[in-house]
Protein backbone atom coordinates (compact mmCIF):
# COMPACT_ATOMS: atom_id res chain seq x y z
CA MET A 1 48.09 142.86 150.98
CA ARG A 2 44.45 142.11 150.23
CA SER A 3 45.12 142.42 146.49
CA MET A 4 47.98 139.94 146.77
CA LYS A 5 45.71 137.53 148.64
CA LEU A 6 43.19 137.90 145.83
CA LEU A 7 45.92 137.19 143.30
CA TYR A 8 46.94 134.09 145.23
CA LYS A 9 43.34 132.86 145.24
CA PHE A 10 43.08 133.56 141.53
CA ASN A 11 46.23 131.54 140.82
CA LEU A 12 45.24 128.69 143.12
CA LEU A 13 41.90 128.38 141.33
CA LEU A 14 43.60 128.33 137.94
CA LEU A 15 46.15 125.76 139.13
CA LEU A 16 43.38 123.56 140.52
CA ILE A 17 41.44 123.71 137.26
CA PHE A 18 44.56 123.03 135.22
CA GLY A 19 45.68 120.22 137.49
CA LEU A 20 42.38 118.38 137.19
CA GLY A 21 42.27 118.93 133.44
CA TRP A 22 45.91 117.95 133.01
CA PHE A 23 45.59 114.66 134.86
CA ALA A 24 42.34 113.76 133.05
CA THR A 25 43.87 114.65 129.68
CA ALA A 26 47.06 112.75 130.53
CA ALA A 27 45.16 109.56 131.30
CA MET A 28 43.01 109.77 128.17
CA THR A 29 45.93 110.77 125.93
CA ARG A 30 48.13 107.92 127.13
CA ASP A 31 45.35 105.38 126.59
CA VAL A 32 44.54 106.72 123.11
CA LEU A 33 48.19 106.73 122.02
CA ARG A 34 48.79 103.23 123.36
CA ASP A 35 45.65 101.94 121.65
CA ASN A 36 46.72 103.56 118.38
CA ALA A 37 50.18 102.01 118.67
CA ARG A 38 48.67 98.59 119.33
CA ARG A 39 46.23 98.92 116.42
CA GLU A 40 49.14 99.82 114.16
CA VAL A 41 51.06 96.72 115.22
CA VAL A 42 47.97 94.52 114.78
CA SER A 43 47.55 95.99 111.29
CA HIS A 44 51.14 95.07 110.44
CA ALA A 45 50.66 91.57 111.82
CA SER A 46 47.46 91.10 109.80
CA LEU A 47 49.25 92.24 106.66
CA MET A 48 52.04 89.73 107.31
CA MET A 49 49.50 86.98 107.87
CA ASP A 50 47.73 87.84 104.61
CA ALA A 51 51.07 87.74 102.80
CA ALA A 52 51.72 84.28 104.25
CA MET A 53 48.31 83.10 103.08
CA ALA A 54 49.04 84.49 99.61
CA ALA A 55 52.33 82.55 99.53
CA ARG A 56 50.52 79.38 100.54
CA GLU A 57 47.84 79.78 97.88
CA TYR A 58 50.43 80.56 95.21
CA THR A 59 52.38 77.45 96.12
CA THR A 60 49.26 75.27 96.14
CA ASN A 61 47.82 76.54 92.87
CA GLU A 62 50.90 77.27 90.76
CA VAL A 63 54.08 75.78 92.18
CA LYS A 64 52.93 72.37 93.42
CA PRO A 65 51.51 71.22 90.01
CA LEU A 66 54.82 72.06 88.36
CA LEU A 67 56.72 69.90 90.86
CA ALA A 68 54.40 66.89 90.66
CA GLU A 69 56.68 64.94 88.35
CA GLY A 70 59.79 65.67 90.37
CA MET A 71 58.03 64.48 93.53
CA LEU A 72 58.11 60.93 92.14
CA LYS A 73 61.90 60.94 92.39
CA ALA A 74 62.43 62.95 95.56
CA PHE A 75 60.27 64.80 98.03
CA LEU A 76 60.47 68.55 97.33
CA PRO A 77 59.65 70.71 100.37
CA GLN A 78 59.09 73.64 98.00
CA SER A 79 55.78 72.01 97.04
CA VAL A 80 54.47 72.32 100.63
CA PRO A 81 52.50 75.56 101.19
CA SER A 82 53.64 75.96 104.79
CA TYR A 83 57.28 75.52 103.77
CA ALA A 84 56.93 78.19 101.07
CA ALA A 85 55.32 80.69 103.45
CA THR A 86 57.94 80.05 106.14
CA GLN A 87 60.88 80.33 103.74
CA SER A 88 59.64 83.60 102.28
CA PHE A 89 59.32 85.11 105.74
CA ASN A 90 62.75 83.86 106.77
CA LYS A 91 64.13 86.48 104.36
CA LEU A 92 62.18 89.17 106.19
CA HIS A 93 63.37 87.77 109.51
CA GLN A 94 67.02 88.11 108.46
CA ALA A 95 66.61 91.85 107.89
CA ASN A 96 64.19 92.32 110.81
CA PRO A 97 65.01 89.77 113.53
CA ASP A 98 62.11 90.85 115.73
CA PHE A 99 59.55 89.99 113.04
CA SER A 100 58.76 86.32 112.63
CA TYR A 101 56.31 83.89 111.09
CA LYS A 102 55.93 80.27 112.04
CA GLU A 103 53.50 77.48 111.34
CA ALA A 104 53.84 75.84 114.72
CA ALA A 105 52.53 72.28 114.99
CA LEU A 106 52.25 69.84 117.87
CA ASN A 107 53.40 66.96 115.70
CA PRO A 108 55.08 68.45 112.62
CA THR A 109 56.74 66.66 109.74
CA ASN A 110 59.59 69.15 109.70
CA PRO A 111 61.20 69.37 113.18
CA ARG A 112 61.76 73.11 112.82
CA ASP A 113 57.98 73.62 112.96
CA ARG A 114 57.61 72.03 116.39
CA VAL A 115 55.85 74.31 118.89
CA ALA A 116 57.69 76.17 121.62
CA ASP A 117 56.10 76.21 125.08
CA TRP A 118 54.17 79.45 124.58
CA GLU A 119 53.12 78.38 121.06
CA ALA A 120 51.76 75.12 122.46
CA ASP A 121 49.49 77.17 124.73
CA VAL A 122 48.15 79.02 121.69
CA VAL A 123 47.49 75.76 119.82
CA ARG A 124 45.73 74.26 122.84
CA GLN A 125 43.55 77.37 123.01
CA PHE A 126 42.41 76.74 119.44
CA ARG A 127 41.88 73.04 120.14
CA ASP A 128 39.79 73.78 123.23
CA HIS A 129 37.77 76.51 121.54
CA THR A 130 37.06 75.46 117.98
CA GLU A 131 34.97 78.57 117.37
CA LEU A 132 38.07 80.78 117.59
CA LYS A 133 39.29 82.12 114.26
CA GLU A 134 42.05 84.37 115.56
CA VAL A 135 43.93 85.13 118.76
CA ILE A 136 45.94 88.27 119.54
CA GLY A 137 48.22 88.45 122.56
CA ASP A 138 51.42 89.89 124.05
CA ARG A 139 54.55 88.24 125.29
CA GLN A 140 58.00 89.26 126.48
CA THR A 141 61.02 88.49 124.33
CA PRO A 142 64.74 89.15 124.90
CA SER A 143 64.43 92.27 122.73
CA GLY A 144 61.32 93.58 124.49
CA PRO A 145 57.52 93.21 124.32
CA SER A 146 56.07 91.58 121.22
CA LEU A 147 52.56 91.16 119.86
CA TYR A 148 51.51 87.91 118.21
CA LEU A 149 48.59 87.19 115.92
CA ALA A 150 47.65 83.54 115.54
CA ARG A 151 45.20 81.60 113.39
CA PRO A 152 44.45 77.89 113.67
CA ILE A 153 45.72 75.27 111.26
CA ARG A 154 42.88 72.76 110.94
CA ILE A 155 42.71 69.78 108.63
CA SER A 156 39.76 70.71 106.45
CA ASP A 157 40.94 69.02 103.24
CA GLY A 158 41.10 65.23 103.17
CA ARG A 159 43.94 65.36 100.64
CA CYS A 160 46.29 66.39 103.46
CA LEU A 161 45.80 62.98 105.05
CA ALA A 162 47.46 61.31 102.07
CA CYS A 163 50.77 62.37 103.60
CA HIS A 164 49.88 62.60 107.29
CA SER A 165 47.47 59.82 108.23
CA THR A 166 49.83 56.84 108.67
CA PRO A 167 53.43 56.19 107.64
CA ASP A 168 52.29 53.40 105.30
CA ALA A 169 50.08 55.82 103.32
CA ALA A 170 52.73 58.56 103.08
CA PRO A 171 54.94 58.97 99.98
CA ALA A 172 58.19 57.06 100.21
CA THR A 173 60.13 60.14 99.15
CA MET A 174 58.75 62.12 102.10
CA LYS A 175 59.61 59.36 104.55
CA ALA A 176 63.12 59.19 103.11
CA LEU A 177 63.58 62.92 103.86
CA TYR A 178 61.82 63.28 107.23
CA GLY A 179 61.53 59.74 108.59
CA VAL A 180 58.45 57.98 109.96
CA ASN A 181 58.37 59.31 113.52
CA ASN A 182 56.83 62.75 113.00
CA GLY A 183 53.90 64.30 111.18
CA PHE A 184 51.49 61.33 111.22
CA GLY A 185 48.23 60.56 112.96
CA TRP A 186 46.48 63.71 111.81
CA LYS A 187 42.68 63.55 111.57
CA LEU A 188 40.14 65.40 109.47
CA GLY A 189 38.81 68.45 111.34
CA GLU A 190 41.61 68.35 113.90
CA THR A 191 43.55 71.45 114.91
CA ILE A 192 47.16 70.40 114.49
CA GLY A 193 48.89 73.75 114.88
CA SER A 194 48.75 77.48 114.41
CA GLN A 195 50.04 80.14 112.07
CA ILE A 196 51.75 82.70 114.30
CA VAL A 197 53.03 86.13 113.31
CA SER A 198 55.11 88.05 115.87
CA VAL A 199 55.67 91.80 115.59
CA PRO A 200 57.70 93.91 118.07
CA LEU A 201 55.82 96.37 120.26
CA ALA A 202 58.79 98.27 121.65
CA VAL A 203 59.23 100.80 118.82
CA PRO A 204 55.52 101.79 118.50
CA GLN A 205 55.29 102.04 122.29
CA ARG A 206 58.35 104.31 122.40
CA GLU A 207 56.84 106.50 119.70
CA ALA A 208 53.58 106.63 121.65
CA GLU A 209 55.45 107.67 124.82
CA ARG A 210 57.37 110.30 122.87
CA ALA A 211 54.15 111.72 121.44
CA TYR A 212 52.63 111.65 124.93
CA THR A 213 55.56 113.58 126.37
CA LEU A 214 55.40 116.18 123.60
CA ILE A 215 51.64 116.64 123.94
CA MET A 216 51.64 116.95 127.71
CA GLY A 217 54.78 119.10 127.72
CA GLY A 218 53.23 121.41 125.14
CA MET A 219 50.06 121.58 127.21
CA ALA A 220 52.05 122.51 130.33
CA LEU A 221 54.01 125.22 128.46
CA THR A 222 50.78 126.60 127.00
CA PHE A 223 49.19 126.77 130.44
CA GLY A 224 52.30 128.43 131.86
CA ALA A 225 52.18 131.13 129.18
CA LEU A 226 48.42 131.52 129.69
CA LEU A 227 48.88 131.81 133.45
CA LEU A 228 51.45 134.59 133.04
CA ALA A 229 49.22 136.45 130.58
CA LEU A 230 46.17 136.16 132.84
CA ASN A 231 48.19 137.31 135.85
CA ALA A 232 49.42 140.35 133.94
CA MET A 233 45.91 141.21 132.75
CA PHE A 234 44.40 140.62 136.19
CA TYR A 235 47.00 142.84 137.82
CA LEU A 236 46.81 145.67 135.26
CA LEU A 237 43.03 145.68 134.76
CA VAL A 238 41.77 144.74 138.23
CA LEU A 239 44.30 144.69 141.04
CA ARG A 240 46.18 147.92 140.31
CA PRO A 241 42.99 150.01 139.86
CA VAL A 242 41.44 148.47 142.99
CA ARG A 243 44.58 149.16 145.00
CA ARG A 244 44.54 152.78 143.80
CA ILE A 245 40.88 153.16 144.78
CA SER A 246 41.69 151.66 148.16
CA ARG A 247 44.61 154.06 148.67
CA ILE A 248 42.51 157.12 147.70
CA ALA A 249 39.61 155.91 149.88
CA ASP A 250 41.91 155.54 152.88
CA ALA A 251 43.22 159.08 152.34
CA VAL A 252 39.73 160.58 152.01
CA SER A 253 38.53 158.71 155.10
CA ALA A 254 41.44 160.31 156.98
CA GLY A 255 40.24 163.80 155.94
CA LYS A 256 42.71 164.40 153.10
CA MET A 257 40.40 165.94 150.53
CA ASP A 258 43.25 167.21 148.34
CA VAL A 259 44.16 163.71 147.15
CA GLU A 260 43.85 163.19 143.39
CA PRO A 261 40.57 161.86 142.00
CA PHE A 262 40.41 158.38 140.66
CA PRO A 263 40.79 158.25 136.81
CA ALA A 264 37.45 156.98 135.58
CA GLY A 265 37.93 156.75 131.82
CA GLY A 266 36.42 153.81 129.96
CA ARG A 267 33.23 151.81 130.26
CA ASP A 268 34.31 148.63 131.99
CA GLU A 269 33.31 147.67 135.53
CA ILE A 270 36.41 149.23 137.13
CA ALA A 271 35.74 152.55 135.34
CA VAL A 272 32.12 152.49 136.53
CA LEU A 273 33.36 151.82 140.07
CA GLY A 274 35.78 154.76 139.79
CA GLN A 275 33.02 157.08 138.58
CA ALA A 276 30.80 156.01 141.47
CA PHE A 277 33.62 156.56 143.92
CA ASN A 278 34.30 160.05 142.53
CA ARG A 279 30.59 160.94 142.90
CA LEU A 280 30.65 159.65 146.46
CA ARG A 281 33.73 161.73 147.16
CA ARG A 282 32.15 164.91 145.74
CA SER A 283 29.00 164.31 147.82
CA LEU A 284 31.15 163.83 150.89
CA GLU A 285 33.04 167.07 150.18
CA LYS A 286 29.75 169.01 149.82
CA ALA A 287 28.44 167.52 153.04
CA MET A 288 31.63 168.48 154.87
CA ALA A 289 31.39 172.05 153.45
CA LEU A 290 27.80 172.42 154.70
CA LEU A 291 28.80 171.24 158.15
CA ALA A 292 31.64 173.72 158.23
């Protein structure tokens, strides 16, 4: 019974150590996996933003000069960098509805670019904090959580005001297409909107949870196998020899000198204990013989 109590104590100690380690590892692992998933999504969003900037620069430097003559007859939206970037990403959006890019403006020329409520909050954040170059945040969508990366649209080139200062200064072809009620009154240095890329978080988060489950499940299975192995070793190498010594000692203490000696082969601590016990038994037998 004492050996079983010792085994219980041994297992309780192991379970306590594993429990503390498991919970600490679980917390750290979950945080690391979630951070990795978020960094991956931010990386994708940054790549999409860079692609949008590349589309804008291509339109400004190569497409717009080619359309200059046609602009005298009719306003061509394809010459507008923001239009080009938005149109290119609309193709991506068709195949991946949860990915989106928008150049959201408080007072846009094209009505489709008008800010939604949450986008207006982002633009106001850039207007209130002109030192901000980028904002990353989360929001809930009908398809699940989504991460957005936003950069301010500020009027840093006075040439933009040729179309957006007052209706009288704007090209007649642009007013014929979009009217005179939107997209005017912009000022140099003003933040008029924001480029916003939205990337879904649900899939990376599910993958992170799956990895977390596999890691912690594997850790639990490994500990279970280790616990069984340690129990077997503890029983075979410690408990069984100690129980045998205890049984022989009880018999000798009751005067049964014909009981078998304890096997003392080996050099480990249990073998040394067995050898010491056998010497003690022989000394006791000699003492009993002298008394007789």
